Amino acid sequence: MPQVRVIDANGQSKEMLELNPDVFGVELRVPLLHQAVTRELAGRRAGTADTRGRSEVSGGGKKPWRQKGTGRARQGSIRAPQWKGGGKPFGPTPRSYAQSMPRQARREALRAALAAKIAADELTVIERLDLREPKTKALVTHLAALGLPPAPTLVIVGEREEGLARAARNVPWLTVQTPSHTSVYQLLRHHQVVFERAALLALQDALAQ
């Protein structure tokens, strides 16, 4: 049965928390993780790139010269793709890059990402992330006291408080999320994942259903 160490606000070990093997002990399936990450990154794309074709650029209503007798190649419009100022052929148009993925597959990918963090010893559980004052310096000092170096870190809390969010937004290597908004890409991208005890149990209950 997978276990993780729970530390207090001073970084001292309190106990070993036993986790559900159906959530944190699943098989690591790399293709499934790749599909989940690709889907999330594709969904972030705006899809607003656009170019104008020959029917959208201005001008070109008149045939440049007559069809025969000039010795030149026949042309029908000065806004054809081969002309300067002409329309662009096969250019991008606004589209959605969203990819579909079954709900069960998404949940299984999230379980696999959590299991990978447990296996790599990159998951830390604290009793509660309690800031005395909602300031960036206090937050960074508190994380350092927990033994966390300034590396890409994902902190998952039970409830997103305004003070914590305000203190974390000025730290470029820190991301604060709640269990319901945790994604596979975030778990794999960050070198360190810090859970509040309540947040970890809430995510475990959601993924065990």
Protein backbone atom coordinates (compact mmCIF):
# COMPACT_ATOMS: atom_id res chain seq x y z
CA MET A 1 0.00 0.00 0.00
CA PRO A 2 1.52 3.39 -0.98
CA GLN A 3 2.42 5.71 1.88
CA VAL A 4 3.48 9.33 2.13
CA ARG A 5 5.01 11.28 4.96
CA VAL A 6 2.98 14.09 6.55
CA ILE A 7 4.94 17.06 7.89
CA ASP A 8 3.87 19.89 10.14
CA ALA A 9 4.30 23.64 9.69
CA ASN A 10 7.93 23.41 10.84
CA GLY A 11 8.88 20.71 8.37
CA GLN A 12 8.97 17.98 11.02
CA SER A 13 7.58 14.54 10.23
CA LYS A 14 4.32 13.75 12.00
CA GLU A 15 3.13 10.44 10.62
CA MET A 16 2.93 8.19 7.56
CA LEU A 17 -0.36 8.48 5.71
CA GLU A 18 -1.61 5.35 3.97
CA LEU A 19 -3.10 6.00 0.55
CA ASN A 20 -5.62 4.15 -1.57
CA PRO A 21 -3.70 1.77 -3.89
CA ASP A 22 -6.48 2.03 -6.47
CA VAL A 23 -5.60 5.72 -6.87
CA PHE A 24 -1.91 6.08 -6.02
CA GLY A 25 -0.70 2.61 -6.92
CA VAL A 26 -1.89 2.24 -10.51
CA GLU A 27 0.31 1.20 -13.42
CA LEU A 28 2.23 4.01 -15.13
CA ARG A 29 0.97 4.16 -18.72
CA VAL A 30 3.08 6.62 -20.67
CA PRO A 31 0.88 6.78 -23.81
CA LEU A 32 -2.12 7.68 -21.66
CA LEU A 33 -0.18 10.44 -19.92
CA HIS A 34 1.03 11.73 -23.28
CA GLN A 35 -2.53 11.85 -24.61
CA ALA A 36 -3.76 13.75 -21.55
CA VAL A 37 -0.93 16.31 -21.73
CA THR A 38 -1.37 16.79 -25.48
CA ARG A 39 -5.10 17.30 -25.01
CA GLU A 40 -4.61 19.93 -22.31
CA LEU A 41 -1.99 21.90 -24.25
CA ALA A 42 -4.07 21.73 -27.44
CA GLY A 43 -7.08 23.08 -25.55
CA ARG A 44 -5.07 26.13 -24.50
CA ARG A 45 -4.43 27.18 -28.10
CA ALA A 46 -6.48 30.19 -29.17
CA GLY A 47 -6.99 28.98 -32.73
CA THR A 48 -7.36 32.54 -34.02
CA ALA A 49 -4.66 32.46 -36.73
CA ASP A 50 -6.15 33.61 -40.01
CA THR A 51 -4.96 34.49 -43.52
CA ARG A 52 -6.86 35.97 -46.45
CA GLY A 53 -7.40 33.99 -49.61
CA ARG A 54 -7.75 35.40 -53.12
CA SER A 55 -11.46 36.01 -52.59
CA GLU A 56 -10.79 38.10 -49.47
CA VAL A 57 -8.03 40.50 -50.61
CA SER A 58 -8.97 43.75 -52.31
CA GLY A 59 -8.64 44.30 -56.03
CA GLY A 60 -8.24 41.85 -58.85
CA GLY A 61 -11.64 42.25 -60.44
CA LYS A 62 -10.30 42.87 -63.94
CA LYS A 63 -8.33 40.40 -66.05
CA PRO A 64 -4.74 41.80 -66.27
CA TRP A 65 -4.46 41.24 -70.02
CA ARG A 66 -6.25 39.40 -72.73
CA GLN A 67 -6.06 35.64 -72.84
CA LYS A 68 -4.14 35.19 -76.11
CA GLY A 69 -1.74 37.02 -78.34
CA THR A 70 0.51 38.75 -75.79
CA GLY A 71 3.18 36.06 -75.47
CA ARG A 72 2.78 36.09 -71.72
CA ALA A 73 1.27 33.46 -69.48
CA ARG A 74 -2.48 33.65 -69.12
CA GLN A 75 -3.67 35.40 -65.95
CA GLY A 76 -7.13 35.87 -64.60
CA SER A 77 -6.52 38.13 -61.58
CA ILE A 78 -3.70 40.16 -60.08
CA ARG A 79 -4.78 38.84 -56.67
CA ALA A 80 -4.06 35.20 -57.49
CA PRO A 81 -1.58 33.51 -55.08
CA GLN A 82 1.40 33.88 -57.45
CA TRP A 83 1.05 37.66 -57.56
CA LYS A 84 2.51 40.09 -55.04
CA GLY A 85 -0.35 41.19 -52.81
CA GLY A 86 -2.38 38.16 -53.80
CA GLY A 87 -4.23 35.80 -51.52
CA LYS A 88 -2.40 33.15 -49.54
CA PRO A 89 -3.15 29.55 -50.56
CA PHE A 90 -3.90 26.92 -47.92
CA GLY A 91 -3.28 29.35 -45.05
CA PRO A 92 -4.59 28.85 -41.48
CA THR A 93 -8.14 29.79 -40.64
CA PRO A 94 -9.81 30.10 -37.22
CA ARG A 95 -10.42 26.65 -35.74
CA SER A 96 -10.68 24.80 -32.46
CA TYR A 97 -7.77 22.62 -31.40
CA ALA A 98 -9.77 20.87 -28.69
CA GLN A 99 -9.30 17.11 -28.46
CA SER A 100 -11.75 14.65 -26.97
CA MET A 101 -10.74 12.09 -24.36
CA PRO A 102 -13.06 9.77 -22.43
CA ARG A 103 -13.73 10.79 -18.84
CA GLN A 104 -12.51 7.47 -17.48
CA ALA A 105 -9.27 7.83 -19.44
CA ARG A 106 -8.74 11.33 -18.05
CA ARG A 107 -9.23 10.09 -14.51
CA GLU A 108 -6.88 7.16 -15.07
CA ALA A 109 -4.23 9.53 -16.44
CA LEU A 110 -4.55 11.68 -13.32
CA ARG A 111 -4.14 8.60 -11.12
CA ALA A 112 -1.04 7.60 -13.09
CA ALA A 113 0.47 11.08 -12.72
CA LEU A 114 -0.05 10.95 -8.95
CA ALA A 115 1.45 7.46 -8.78
CA ALA A 116 4.48 8.70 -10.73
CA LYS A 117 5.03 11.52 -8.23
CA ILE A 118 4.77 9.08 -5.32
CA ALA A 119 7.26 6.70 -6.97
CA ALA A 120 9.71 9.55 -7.67
CA ASP A 121 9.41 10.87 -4.09
CA GLU A 122 8.33 14.26 -5.42
CA LEU A 123 5.09 14.52 -3.44
CA THR A 124 4.96 16.19 -0.04
CA VAL A 125 1.98 16.39 2.31
CA ILE A 126 1.65 19.10 4.95
CA GLU A 127 -1.02 19.31 7.60
CA ARG A 128 -2.04 22.81 6.54
CA LEU A 129 -0.41 25.70 4.71
CA ASP A 130 -1.03 28.51 7.16
CA LEU A 131 0.44 31.94 6.45
CA ARG A 132 0.63 34.46 9.27
CA GLU A 133 0.57 37.29 6.76
CA PRO A 134 -0.38 37.10 3.06
CA LYS A 135 2.95 38.29 1.68
CA THR A 136 5.25 36.80 -0.93
CA LYS A 137 8.33 36.89 1.29
CA ALA A 138 6.51 35.11 4.11
CA LEU A 139 5.29 32.41 1.72
CA VAL A 140 8.74 31.76 0.24
CA THR A 141 10.27 31.65 3.73
CA HIS A 142 7.60 29.21 4.87
CA LEU A 143 8.20 26.91 1.90
CA ALA A 144 11.95 27.00 2.53
CA ALA A 145 11.31 25.98 6.15
CA LEU A 146 9.46 22.95 4.82
CA GLY A 147 12.61 21.92 2.95
CA LEU A 148 11.39 22.97 -0.50
CA PRO A 149 13.99 24.65 -2.73
CA PRO A 150 12.98 27.37 -5.25
CA ALA A 151 12.14 24.96 -8.08
CA PRO A 152 8.91 24.56 -10.08
CA THR A 153 6.41 23.75 -7.33
CA LEU A 154 2.70 22.96 -7.41
CA VAL A 155 0.83 23.61 -4.16
CA ILE A 156 -2.63 22.07 -3.90
CA VAL A 157 -4.78 23.44 -1.10
CA GLY A 158 -8.21 22.49 0.14
CA GLU A 159 -9.64 25.97 -0.42
CA ARG A 160 -8.08 28.74 -2.49
CA GLU A 161 -7.77 31.77 -0.21
CA GLU A 162 -7.34 35.24 -1.62
CA GLY A 163 -4.37 36.03 0.62
CA LEU A 164 -2.46 32.92 -0.46
CA ALA A 165 -3.23 33.52 -4.13
CA ARG A 166 -2.03 37.13 -3.83
CA ALA A 167 1.20 36.04 -2.13
CA ALA A 168 1.91 33.30 -4.69
CA ARG A 169 1.28 35.25 -7.88
CA ASN A 170 4.65 37.04 -7.65
CA VAL A 171 6.63 33.80 -7.37
CA PRO A 172 7.42 32.62 -10.93
CA TRP A 173 8.16 29.02 -9.93
CA LEU A 174 5.06 28.54 -7.76
CA THR A 175 1.52 27.51 -8.78
CA VAL A 176 -1.41 27.23 -6.35
CA GLN A 177 -4.40 25.06 -7.26
CA THR A 178 -7.34 23.25 -5.71
CA PRO A 179 -8.02 19.49 -6.12
CA SER A 180 -10.83 20.05 -8.62
CA HIS A 181 -8.54 22.07 -10.94
CA THR A 182 -5.46 19.84 -10.74
CA SER A 183 -4.38 18.49 -14.13
CA VAL A 184 -1.98 15.87 -15.43
CA TYR A 185 0.17 18.51 -17.15
CA GLN A 186 0.57 20.50 -13.94
CA LEU A 187 1.56 17.41 -11.96
CA LEU A 188 4.17 16.32 -14.50
CA ARG A 189 5.53 19.79 -15.24
CA HIS A 190 6.36 20.74 -11.66
CA HIS A 191 9.34 19.14 -9.93
CA GLN A 192 7.68 19.33 -6.51
CA VAL A 193 4.05 18.77 -5.58
CA VAL A 194 2.83 19.88 -2.15
CA PHE A 195 -0.59 18.78 -0.91
CA GLU A 196 -2.49 19.93 2.10
CA ARG A 197 -3.73 16.85 3.90
CA ALA A 198 -7.37 17.76 3.32
CA ALA A 199 -6.74 18.43 -0.37
CA LEU A 200 -5.01 15.09 -0.88
CA LEU A 201 -7.83 13.18 0.79
CA ALA A 202 -10.43 15.10 -1.22
CA LEU A 203 -8.68 14.26 -4.49
CA GLN A 204 -8.29 10.64 -3.41
CA ASP A 205 -12.02 10.36 -2.68
CA ALA A 206 -12.89 11.94 -6.06
CA LEU A 207 -10.64 9.60 -8.03
CA ALA A 208 -11.69 6.50 -6.10
CA GLN A 209 -15.32 6.80 -7.18
